[in-house]
Amino acid sequence: MHTHRMHTHQRLAAAAAVAAALLLTASTTAAACDLPAPGGSPLPRCAERNLSVKVTAAPTPDILKLRFTNNGRHACTVDRIPTVTFGDLDGAARPEPPVGSAPYRVAAGATAYATVRTVLAPPTPGDVRTVRDIVVAADPAHHGLRIKATELGLPRGVRVYDPVTSLWQHKAPRADRTI
């Protein structure tokens, strides 16, 4: 009988620990994704007209630095995955780490950063494509900003093969570490 109580107590303690972990995970996820508190209303999506988007080529080959600033008067959200397309090529840079869409909160006046690696270990140099422009948007619902490769200091074009992007980050060094 004593053994039975011990197992029951251990099961209850384990169940309580799992429940606590799930609650902690849910609250952390809600905070990270800027989901509204129960009974609260979600933040609005950032209006494209309130955002300024900038792109620069890094000194490292095949790396682009992205940033946008919320010039609006209130906090708002964009998708946590930047939208980066390349000339007339199909598709966009895929997120690294591989995740799905979720809201990313940006305060009024705040800037967010991301890093794009345009060439990711091609099997042969012939697989790399070169484009004359890219389009960058803070959110997939936006039209984005078309930027010519020459404006980035890349007169031969932007080299592309299996491009990846970091998620938006509040600090530039964090965006660099993820890809």
N, C-alpha and C. Protein backbone atom coordinates (compact mmCIF):
# COMPACT_ATOMS: atom_id res chain seq x y z
N MET A 1 0.82 -1.18 0.00
CA MET A 1 0.00 0.00 0.00
C MET A 1 0.86 1.25 0.00
N HIS A 2 1.91 1.24 0.77
CA HIS A 2 2.82 2.38 0.81
C HIS A 2 3.41 2.63 -0.59
N THR A 3 3.77 1.56 -1.30
CA THR A 3 4.31 1.68 -2.65
C THR A 3 3.28 2.29 -3.58
N HIS A 4 2.03 1.88 -3.47
CA HIS A 4 0.97 2.42 -4.31
C HIS A 4 0.82 3.92 -4.11
N ARG A 5 0.85 4.38 -2.85
CA ARG A 5 0.76 5.82 -2.56
C ARG A 5 1.94 6.56 -3.17
N MET A 6 3.12 5.96 -3.07
CA MET A 6 4.32 6.60 -3.59
C MET A 6 4.18 6.79 -5.10
N HIS A 7 3.74 5.78 -5.81
CA HIS A 7 3.57 5.89 -7.25
C HIS A 7 2.52 6.94 -7.59
N THR A 8 1.42 6.94 -6.87
CA THR A 8 0.37 7.92 -7.10
C THR A 8 0.91 9.32 -6.85
N HIS A 9 1.65 9.50 -5.77
CA HIS A 9 2.23 10.81 -5.45
C HIS A 9 3.20 11.24 -6.55
N GLN A 10 4.03 10.29 -7.03
CA GLN A 10 4.98 10.61 -8.10
C GLN A 10 4.24 10.98 -9.38
N ARG A 11 3.17 10.26 -9.69
CA ARG A 11 2.38 10.57 -10.89
C ARG A 11 1.75 11.95 -10.77
N LEU A 12 1.19 12.25 -9.62
CA LEU A 12 0.58 13.57 -9.42
C LEU A 12 1.63 14.67 -9.51
N ALA A 13 2.78 14.46 -8.93
CA ALA A 13 3.85 15.46 -8.99
C ALA A 13 4.31 15.64 -10.43
N ALA A 14 4.44 14.54 -11.16
CA ALA A 14 4.86 14.62 -12.56
C ALA A 14 3.80 15.34 -13.39
N ALA A 15 2.54 15.03 -13.14
CA ALA A 15 1.45 15.69 -13.88
C ALA A 15 1.44 17.19 -13.57
N ALA A 16 1.65 17.55 -12.32
CA ALA A 16 1.69 18.97 -11.94
C ALA A 16 2.87 19.66 -12.62
N ALA A 17 4.01 18.99 -12.70
CA ALA A 17 5.19 19.57 -13.35
C ALA A 17 4.94 19.78 -14.84
N VAL A 18 4.29 18.80 -15.48
CA VAL A 18 3.97 18.93 -16.91
C VAL A 18 2.99 20.08 -17.11
N ALA A 19 1.97 20.17 -16.27
CA ALA A 19 1.00 21.25 -16.39
C ALA A 19 1.67 22.60 -16.21
N ALA A 20 2.56 22.71 -15.23
CA ALA A 20 3.27 23.96 -15.01
C ALA A 20 4.15 24.31 -16.21
N ALA A 21 4.81 23.31 -16.76
CA ALA A 21 5.66 23.54 -17.94
C ALA A 21 4.83 24.00 -19.12
N LEU A 22 3.65 23.38 -19.31
CA LEU A 22 2.77 23.79 -20.41
C LEU A 22 2.28 25.22 -20.21
N LEU A 23 1.92 25.57 -19.01
CA LEU A 23 1.49 26.94 -18.74
C LEU A 23 2.62 27.93 -18.97
N LEU A 24 3.83 27.59 -18.52
CA LEU A 24 4.98 28.46 -18.72
C LEU A 24 5.27 28.60 -20.21
N THR A 25 5.22 27.50 -20.96
CA THR A 25 5.45 27.55 -22.40
C THR A 25 4.40 28.39 -23.07
N ALA A 26 3.15 28.22 -22.71
CA ALA A 26 2.07 28.99 -23.32
C ALA A 26 2.23 30.47 -23.04
N SER A 27 2.59 30.84 -21.81
CA SER A 27 2.74 32.26 -21.50
C SER A 27 3.96 32.84 -22.18
N THR A 28 5.05 32.05 -22.29
CA THR A 28 6.24 32.53 -22.99
C THR A 28 5.94 32.70 -24.47
N THR A 29 5.23 31.73 -25.06
CA THR A 29 4.87 31.82 -26.47
C THR A 29 3.98 33.03 -26.71
N ALA A 30 3.01 33.24 -25.84
CA ALA A 30 2.14 34.39 -26.01
C ALA A 30 2.93 35.69 -25.94
N ALA A 31 3.87 35.78 -25.02
CA ALA A 31 4.67 37.00 -24.91
C ALA A 31 5.55 37.17 -26.13
N ALA A 32 6.17 36.09 -26.60
CA ALA A 32 7.06 36.18 -27.75
C ALA A 32 6.30 36.54 -29.02
N CYS A 33 5.07 36.05 -29.14
CA CYS A 33 4.29 36.30 -30.35
C CYS A 33 3.40 37.52 -30.19
N ASP A 34 3.44 38.15 -29.05
CA ASP A 34 2.65 39.34 -28.80
C ASP A 34 1.16 39.09 -28.95
N LEU A 35 0.74 37.94 -28.48
CA LEU A 35 -0.67 37.65 -28.50
C LEU A 35 -1.33 38.45 -27.39
N PRO A 36 -2.58 38.82 -27.58
CA PRO A 36 -3.23 39.63 -26.55
C PRO A 36 -3.47 38.82 -25.28
N ALA A 37 -3.53 39.52 -24.19
CA ALA A 37 -3.90 38.88 -22.94
C ALA A 37 -5.38 38.52 -23.02
N PRO A 38 -5.82 37.53 -22.25
CA PRO A 38 -7.24 37.18 -22.29
C PRO A 38 -8.10 38.43 -22.08
N GLY A 39 -9.07 38.61 -22.95
CA GLY A 39 -9.95 39.77 -22.85
C GLY A 39 -9.38 41.00 -23.52
N GLY A 40 -8.10 40.99 -23.92
CA GLY A 40 -7.49 42.13 -24.58
C GLY A 40 -7.65 42.03 -26.08
N SER A 41 -7.35 43.11 -26.75
CA SER A 41 -7.44 43.07 -28.21
C SER A 41 -6.04 42.98 -28.79
N PRO A 42 -5.90 42.30 -29.92
CA PRO A 42 -4.58 42.15 -30.52
C PRO A 42 -4.08 43.49 -31.07
N LEU A 43 -2.76 43.59 -31.16
CA LEU A 43 -2.18 44.79 -31.77
C LEU A 43 -2.49 44.79 -33.25
N PRO A 44 -2.67 45.97 -33.85
CA PRO A 44 -2.95 46.01 -35.28
C PRO A 44 -1.70 45.67 -36.09
N ARG A 45 -1.91 45.23 -37.31
CA ARG A 45 -0.81 45.00 -38.24
C ARG A 45 -0.23 46.37 -38.59
N CYS A 46 1.08 46.46 -38.71
CA CYS A 46 1.73 47.72 -39.06
C CYS A 46 1.31 48.14 -40.47
N ALA A 47 0.97 49.40 -40.62
CA ALA A 47 0.66 49.94 -41.94
C ALA A 47 1.98 50.16 -42.68
N GLU A 48 2.04 49.74 -43.92
CA GLU A 48 3.29 49.85 -44.68
C GLU A 48 3.77 51.30 -44.74
N ARG A 49 2.84 52.25 -44.83
CA ARG A 49 3.23 53.66 -44.93
C ARG A 49 3.94 54.16 -43.67
N ASN A 50 3.78 53.45 -42.55
CA ASN A 50 4.42 53.86 -41.29
C ASN A 50 5.78 53.20 -41.08
N LEU A 51 6.23 52.40 -42.03
CA LEU A 51 7.49 51.70 -41.88
C LEU A 51 8.51 52.21 -42.88
N SER A 52 9.74 52.33 -42.44
CA SER A 52 10.83 52.61 -43.37
C SER A 52 11.71 51.37 -43.40
N VAL A 53 11.99 50.89 -44.61
CA VAL A 53 12.77 49.67 -44.80
C VAL A 53 14.10 50.04 -45.42
N LYS A 54 15.18 49.46 -44.91
CA LYS A 54 16.52 49.69 -45.46
C LYS A 54 17.23 48.35 -45.63
N VAL A 55 18.02 48.25 -46.69
CA VAL A 55 18.79 47.05 -46.97
C VAL A 55 20.21 47.47 -47.32
N THR A 56 21.19 46.78 -46.77
CA THR A 56 22.58 47.02 -47.12
C THR A 56 23.26 45.67 -47.37
N ALA A 57 24.26 45.70 -48.24
CA ALA A 57 25.07 44.51 -48.45
C ALA A 57 26.16 44.51 -47.40
N ALA A 58 26.38 43.38 -46.77
CA ALA A 58 27.43 43.26 -45.75
C ALA A 58 28.77 43.11 -46.44
N PRO A 59 29.86 43.40 -45.73
CA PRO A 59 31.18 43.17 -46.30
C PRO A 59 31.42 41.69 -46.64
N THR A 60 30.73 40.81 -45.94
CA THR A 60 30.81 39.38 -46.20
C THR A 60 30.02 39.06 -47.47
N PRO A 61 30.56 38.30 -48.40
CA PRO A 61 29.82 37.99 -49.64
C PRO A 61 28.49 37.28 -49.36
N ASP A 62 27.50 37.62 -50.16
CA ASP A 62 26.20 36.95 -50.16
C ASP A 62 25.42 37.14 -48.86
N ILE A 63 25.66 38.24 -48.16
CA ILE A 63 24.92 38.56 -46.94
C ILE A 63 24.28 39.94 -47.12
N LEU A 64 22.98 40.02 -46.82
CA LEU A 64 22.27 41.29 -46.83
C LEU A 64 21.76 41.58 -45.42
N LYS A 65 21.84 42.83 -45.02
CA LYS A 65 21.34 43.26 -43.71
C LYS A 65 20.05 44.03 -43.95
N LEU A 66 18.99 43.64 -43.24
CA LEU A 66 17.69 44.29 -43.36
C LEU A 66 17.36 45.00 -42.06
N ARG A 67 16.62 46.06 -42.19
CA ARG A 67 16.07 46.70 -40.99
C ARG A 67 14.84 47.50 -41.38
N PHE A 68 13.94 47.58 -40.45
CA PHE A 68 12.80 48.47 -40.64
C PHE A 68 12.53 49.18 -39.33
N THR A 69 11.97 50.38 -39.47
CA THR A 69 11.62 51.18 -38.31
C THR A 69 10.13 51.48 -38.34
N ASN A 70 9.49 51.35 -37.19
CA ASN A 70 8.09 51.70 -37.06
C ASN A 70 8.02 53.20 -36.79
N ASN A 71 7.68 53.98 -37.80
CA ASN A 71 7.57 55.43 -37.66
C ASN A 71 6.18 55.86 -37.19
N GLY A 72 5.32 54.89 -36.93
CA GLY A 72 3.97 55.20 -36.45
C GLY A 72 4.00 55.62 -34.99
N ARG A 73 2.84 56.02 -34.50
CA ARG A 73 2.75 56.51 -33.11
C ARG A 73 2.39 55.42 -32.12
N HIS A 74 2.13 54.19 -32.62
CA HIS A 74 1.72 53.11 -31.74
C HIS A 74 2.45 51.82 -32.11
N ALA A 75 2.52 50.92 -31.14
CA ALA A 75 3.07 49.59 -31.40
C ALA A 75 2.16 48.87 -32.38
N CYS A 76 2.75 47.98 -33.16
CA CYS A 76 1.98 47.21 -34.14
C CYS A 76 2.74 45.92 -34.40
N THR A 77 2.21 45.08 -35.28
CA THR A 77 2.87 43.82 -35.57
C THR A 77 3.11 43.64 -37.08
N VAL A 78 4.15 42.89 -37.38
CA VAL A 78 4.41 42.38 -38.72
C VAL A 78 4.60 40.88 -38.53
N ASP A 79 4.73 40.14 -39.62
CA ASP A 79 5.05 38.73 -39.49
C ASP A 79 6.49 38.62 -39.02
N ARG A 80 6.80 37.62 -38.22
CA ARG A 80 8.16 37.50 -37.68
C ARG A 80 9.18 37.10 -38.75
N ILE A 81 8.69 36.68 -39.93
CA ILE A 81 9.57 36.28 -41.03
C ILE A 81 9.61 37.40 -42.07
N PRO A 82 10.76 38.02 -42.31
CA PRO A 82 10.85 39.02 -43.38
C PRO A 82 10.51 38.38 -44.73
N THR A 83 9.94 39.17 -45.62
CA THR A 83 9.65 38.68 -46.96
C THR A 83 10.70 39.26 -47.91
N VAL A 84 11.52 38.39 -48.48
CA VAL A 84 12.58 38.80 -49.39
C VAL A 84 12.48 37.94 -50.65
N THR A 85 12.24 38.61 -51.80
CA THR A 85 12.18 37.91 -53.08
C THR A 85 13.30 38.44 -53.97
N PHE A 86 13.65 37.66 -54.97
CA PHE A 86 14.83 37.92 -55.78
C PHE A 86 14.48 37.98 -57.26
N GLY A 87 14.49 39.20 -57.82
CA GLY A 87 14.26 39.39 -59.24
C GLY A 87 13.05 38.63 -59.72
N ASP A 88 13.22 37.88 -60.82
CA ASP A 88 12.12 37.11 -61.38
C ASP A 88 12.16 35.64 -60.95
N LEU A 89 12.94 35.32 -59.92
CA LEU A 89 13.00 33.95 -59.40
C LEU A 89 11.76 33.65 -58.56
N ASP A 90 11.35 32.40 -58.55
CA ASP A 90 10.20 31.99 -57.75
C ASP A 90 10.58 31.89 -56.28
N GLY A 91 9.62 32.20 -55.43
CA GLY A 91 9.79 31.98 -54.00
C GLY A 91 10.51 33.11 -53.29
N ALA A 92 10.62 32.93 -51.99
CA ALA A 92 11.25 33.92 -51.12
C ALA A 92 12.28 33.22 -50.25
N ALA A 93 13.12 34.01 -49.59
CA ALA A 93 14.08 33.44 -48.65
C ALA A 93 13.30 32.69 -47.57
N ARG A 94 13.78 31.52 -47.23
CA ARG A 94 13.10 30.71 -46.22
C ARG A 94 13.66 31.06 -44.84
N PRO A 95 12.82 30.95 -43.81
CA PRO A 95 13.28 31.32 -42.47
C PRO A 95 14.27 30.32 -41.88
N GLU A 96 15.22 30.85 -41.16
CA GLU A 96 16.17 30.03 -40.41
C GLU A 96 16.20 30.57 -38.99
N PRO A 97 15.73 29.88 -38.00
CA PRO A 97 15.31 28.48 -38.02
C PRO A 97 13.97 28.32 -38.75
N PRO A 98 13.69 27.09 -39.22
CA PRO A 98 12.44 26.85 -39.94
C PRO A 98 11.26 26.95 -38.98
N VAL A 99 10.46 27.98 -39.16
CA VAL A 99 9.29 28.21 -38.31
C VAL A 99 8.15 28.72 -39.19
N GLY A 100 6.97 28.73 -38.60
CA GLY A 100 5.80 29.27 -39.30
C GLY A 100 5.60 30.74 -38.97
N SER A 101 4.65 31.32 -39.63
CA SER A 101 4.31 32.72 -39.40
C SER A 101 3.78 32.93 -38.00
N ALA A 102 4.04 34.11 -37.46
CA ALA A 102 3.51 34.52 -36.16
C ALA A 102 3.72 36.02 -36.06
N PRO A 103 2.93 36.69 -35.24
CA PRO A 103 3.10 38.14 -35.08
C PRO A 103 4.43 38.48 -34.40
N TYR A 104 5.01 39.58 -34.84
CA TYR A 104 6.22 40.12 -34.23
C TYR A 104 5.90 41.57 -33.86
N ARG A 105 6.00 41.89 -32.60
CA ARG A 105 5.64 43.22 -32.10
C ARG A 105 6.80 44.19 -32.27
N VAL A 106 6.47 45.38 -32.74
CA VAL A 106 7.47 46.44 -32.82
C VAL A 106 6.85 47.71 -32.22
N ALA A 107 7.55 48.27 -31.25
CA ALA A 107 7.06 49.46 -30.57
C ALA A 107 7.17 50.67 -31.49
N ALA A 108 6.43 51.70 -31.17
CA ALA A 108 6.53 52.95 -31.92
C ALA A 108 7.96 53.47 -31.83
N GLY A 109 8.55 53.82 -32.97
CA GLY A 109 9.91 54.34 -33.00
C GLY A 109 11.00 53.28 -32.96
N ALA A 110 10.62 52.02 -32.79
CA ALA A 110 11.61 50.95 -32.67
C ALA A 110 12.04 50.43 -34.05
N THR A 111 13.22 49.83 -34.08
CA THR A 111 13.77 49.25 -35.30
C THR A 111 13.95 47.75 -35.09
N ALA A 112 13.69 46.98 -36.15
CA ALA A 112 13.90 45.53 -36.13
C ALA A 112 14.92 45.18 -37.20
N TYR A 113 15.63 44.09 -36.99
CA TYR A 113 16.75 43.70 -37.85
C TYR A 113 16.62 42.25 -38.29
N ALA A 114 17.13 41.97 -39.48
CA ALA A 114 17.21 40.59 -39.97
C ALA A 114 18.44 40.50 -40.88
N THR A 115 18.91 39.29 -41.06
CA THR A 115 20.05 39.02 -41.94
C THR A 115 19.63 37.97 -42.94
N VAL A 116 20.02 38.18 -44.21
CA VAL A 116 19.71 37.23 -45.28
C VAL A 116 21.02 36.70 -45.85
N ARG A 117 21.11 35.39 -45.95
CA ARG A 117 22.23 34.75 -46.65
C ARG A 117 21.66 34.33 -48.00
N THR A 118 22.16 34.94 -49.09
CA THR A 118 21.58 34.71 -50.41
C THR A 118 22.08 33.44 -51.07
N VAL A 119 23.25 32.96 -50.70
CA VAL A 119 23.79 31.71 -51.25
C VAL A 119 24.12 30.80 -50.08
N LEU A 120 23.49 29.63 -50.09
CA LEU A 120 23.71 28.67 -49.02
C LEU A 120 24.28 27.39 -49.61
N ALA A 121 25.59 27.27 -49.57
CA ALA A 121 26.32 26.07 -49.98
C ALA A 121 25.80 25.43 -51.27
N PRO A 122 26.00 26.07 -52.41
CA PRO A 122 25.52 25.48 -53.66
C PRO A 122 26.31 24.23 -54.02
N PRO A 123 25.65 23.26 -54.65
CA PRO A 123 26.38 22.06 -55.06
C PRO A 123 27.41 22.36 -56.15
N THR A 124 27.09 23.26 -57.06
CA THR A 124 28.05 23.68 -58.09
C THR A 124 27.85 25.16 -58.36
N PRO A 125 28.90 25.86 -58.77
CA PRO A 125 28.76 27.29 -59.07
C PRO A 125 27.71 27.57 -60.15
N GLY A 126 27.47 26.63 -61.04
CA GLY A 126 26.47 26.83 -62.09
C GLY A 126 25.05 26.91 -61.57
N ASP A 127 24.80 26.47 -60.33
CA ASP A 127 23.46 26.54 -59.75
C ASP A 127 23.12 27.93 -59.22
N VAL A 128 24.12 28.76 -59.02
CA VAL A 128 23.89 30.10 -58.48
C VAL A 128 23.31 30.98 -59.58
N ARG A 129 22.25 31.70 -59.27
CA ARG A 129 21.63 32.65 -60.19
C ARG A 129 22.02 34.06 -59.75
N THR A 130 21.96 35.00 -60.69
CA THR A 130 22.23 36.39 -60.37
C THR A 130 21.02 37.22 -60.78
N VAL A 131 20.55 38.06 -59.85
CA VAL A 131 19.40 38.92 -60.12
C VAL A 131 19.81 40.38 -60.02
N ARG A 132 19.09 41.22 -60.71
CA ARG A 132 19.40 42.66 -60.74
C ARG A 132 18.67 43.45 -59.67
N ASP A 133 17.65 42.84 -59.04
CA ASP A 133 16.95 43.55 -57.96
C ASP A 133 16.33 42.54 -57.00
N ILE A 134 15.99 43.06 -55.83
CA ILE A 134 15.30 42.28 -54.80
C ILE A 134 14.13 43.11 -54.30
N VAL A 135 13.18 42.46 -53.68
CA VAL A 135 12.07 43.16 -53.02
C VAL A 135 12.07 42.71 -51.57
N VAL A 136 12.02 43.67 -50.66
CA VAL A 136 12.03 43.39 -49.23
C VAL A 136 10.80 44.02 -48.60
N ALA A 137 10.07 43.22 -47.81
CA ALA A 137 8.90 43.72 -47.09
C ALA A 137 8.99 43.27 -45.64
N ALA A 138 8.57 44.15 -44.74
CA ALA A 138 8.55 43.80 -43.32
C ALA A 138 7.47 42.77 -43.02
N ASP A 139 6.47 42.68 -43.91
CA ASP A 139 5.34 41.78 -43.72
C ASP A 139 4.87 41.30 -45.09
N PRO A 140 4.45 40.05 -45.23
CA PRO A 140 4.04 39.56 -46.54
C PRO A 140 2.81 40.27 -47.10
N ALA A 141 2.04 40.94 -46.26
CA ALA A 141 0.87 41.69 -46.74
C ALA A 141 1.27 43.01 -47.41
N HIS A 142 2.52 43.41 -47.27
CA HIS A 142 3.01 44.67 -47.83
C HIS A 142 3.55 44.46 -49.25
N HIS A 143 3.55 45.53 -50.03
CA HIS A 143 4.12 45.48 -51.38
C HIS A 143 5.64 45.37 -51.33
N GLY A 144 6.25 46.00 -50.36
CA GLY A 144 7.69 45.93 -50.19
C GLY A 144 8.43 47.00 -50.97
N LEU A 145 9.72 47.03 -50.76
CA LEU A 145 10.62 48.00 -51.38
C LEU A 145 11.50 47.27 -52.38
N ARG A 146 11.44 47.71 -53.65
CA ARG A 146 12.29 47.12 -54.70
C ARG A 146 13.62 47.86 -54.67
N ILE A 147 14.71 47.08 -54.60
CA ILE A 147 16.05 47.66 -54.51
C ILE A 147 16.90 47.04 -55.60
N LYS A 148 17.56 47.90 -56.35
CA LYS A 148 18.46 47.42 -57.40
C LYS A 148 19.77 46.97 -56.78
N ALA A 149 20.36 45.97 -57.38
CA ALA A 149 21.65 45.45 -56.89
C ALA A 149 22.70 46.55 -56.88
N THR A 150 22.67 47.43 -57.88
CA THR A 150 23.65 48.52 -57.93
C THR A 150 23.51 49.47 -56.75
N GLU A 151 22.29 49.63 -56.23
CA GLU A 151 22.07 50.48 -55.05
C GLU A 151 22.69 49.86 -53.80
N LEU A 152 22.91 48.54 -53.85
CA LEU A 152 23.53 47.83 -52.73
C LEU A 152 25.05 47.76 -52.90
N GLY A 153 25.55 48.36 -53.97
CA GLY A 153 26.99 48.27 -54.23
C GLY A 153 27.38 46.94 -54.85
N LEU A 154 26.42 46.29 -55.51
CA LEU A 154 26.65 45.00 -56.15
C LEU A 154 26.41 45.15 -57.65
N PRO A 155 27.36 45.75 -58.39
CA PRO A 155 27.14 46.03 -59.81
C PRO A 155 26.95 44.78 -60.68
N ARG A 156 27.43 43.65 -60.23
CA ARG A 156 27.24 42.40 -60.99
C ARG A 156 25.94 41.69 -60.64
N GLY A 157 25.21 42.21 -59.66
CA GLY A 157 23.94 41.62 -59.25
C GLY A 157 24.04 40.90 -57.92
N VAL A 158 22.89 40.45 -57.45
CA VAL A 158 22.79 39.69 -56.19
C VAL A 158 22.80 38.21 -56.55
N ARG A 159 23.79 37.49 -56.02
CA ARG A 159 23.89 36.05 -56.24
C ARG A 159 22.87 35.33 -55.35
N VAL A 160 22.18 34.32 -55.92
CA VAL A 160 21.12 33.65 -55.18
C VAL A 160 21.19 32.14 -55.39
N TYR A 161 21.15 31.41 -54.29
CA TYR A 161 20.95 29.96 -54.30
C TYR A 161 20.48 29.54 -52.91
N ASP A 162 19.26 29.04 -52.81
CA ASP A 162 18.68 28.57 -51.56
C ASP A 162 18.81 29.61 -50.45
N PRO A 163 18.27 30.82 -50.67
CA PRO A 163 18.44 31.90 -49.68
C PRO A 163 17.68 31.64 -48.37
N VAL A 164 18.27 32.07 -47.26
CA VAL A 164 17.65 31.96 -45.94
C VAL A 164 17.66 33.33 -45.27
N THR A 165 16.68 33.53 -44.41
CA THR A 165 16.60 34.77 -43.64
C THR A 165 16.43 34.46 -42.16
N SER A 166 17.02 35.30 -41.34
CA SER A 166 16.75 35.20 -39.90
C SER A 166 15.34 35.76 -39.67
N LEU A 167 14.84 35.57 -38.49
CA LEU A 167 13.59 36.21 -38.09
C LEU A 167 13.90 37.65 -37.71
N TRP A 168 12.88 38.50 -37.66
CA TRP A 168 13.10 39.86 -37.17
C TRP A 168 13.60 39.79 -35.73
N GLN A 169 14.56 40.65 -35.40
CA GLN A 169 15.14 40.70 -34.06
C GLN A 169 15.19 42.16 -33.60
N HIS A 170 15.20 42.36 -32.28
CA HIS A 170 15.28 43.72 -31.74
C HIS A 170 16.70 44.28 -31.79
N LYS A 171 17.69 43.42 -31.98
CA LYS A 171 19.09 43.86 -32.05
C LYS A 171 19.75 43.19 -33.24
N ALA A 172 20.57 43.97 -33.97
CA ALA A 172 21.23 43.46 -35.18
C ALA A 172 22.11 42.23 -34.91
N PRO A 173 22.92 42.19 -33.84
CA PRO A 173 23.77 41.02 -33.63
C PRO A 173 22.98 39.71 -33.48
N ARG A 174 21.78 39.78 -32.94
CA ARG A 174 20.98 38.55 -32.79
C ARG A 174 20.57 38.02 -34.16
N ALA A 175 20.27 38.92 -35.11
CA ALA A 175 19.91 38.49 -36.46
C ALA A 175 21.10 37.82 -37.15
N ASP A 176 22.29 38.31 -36.89
CA ASP A 176 23.49 37.74 -37.51
C ASP A 176 23.79 36.33 -37.00
N ARG A 177 23.48 36.06 -35.76
CA ARG A 177 23.84 34.77 -35.15
C ARG A 177 22.99 33.62 -35.63
N THR A 178 21.83 33.89 -36.19
CA THR A 178 20.91 32.80 -36.49
C THR A 178 21.10 32.19 -37.87
N ILE A 179 21.88 32.82 -38.74
CA ILE A 179 22.06 32.20 -40.07
C ILE A 179 23.53 31.93 -40.36
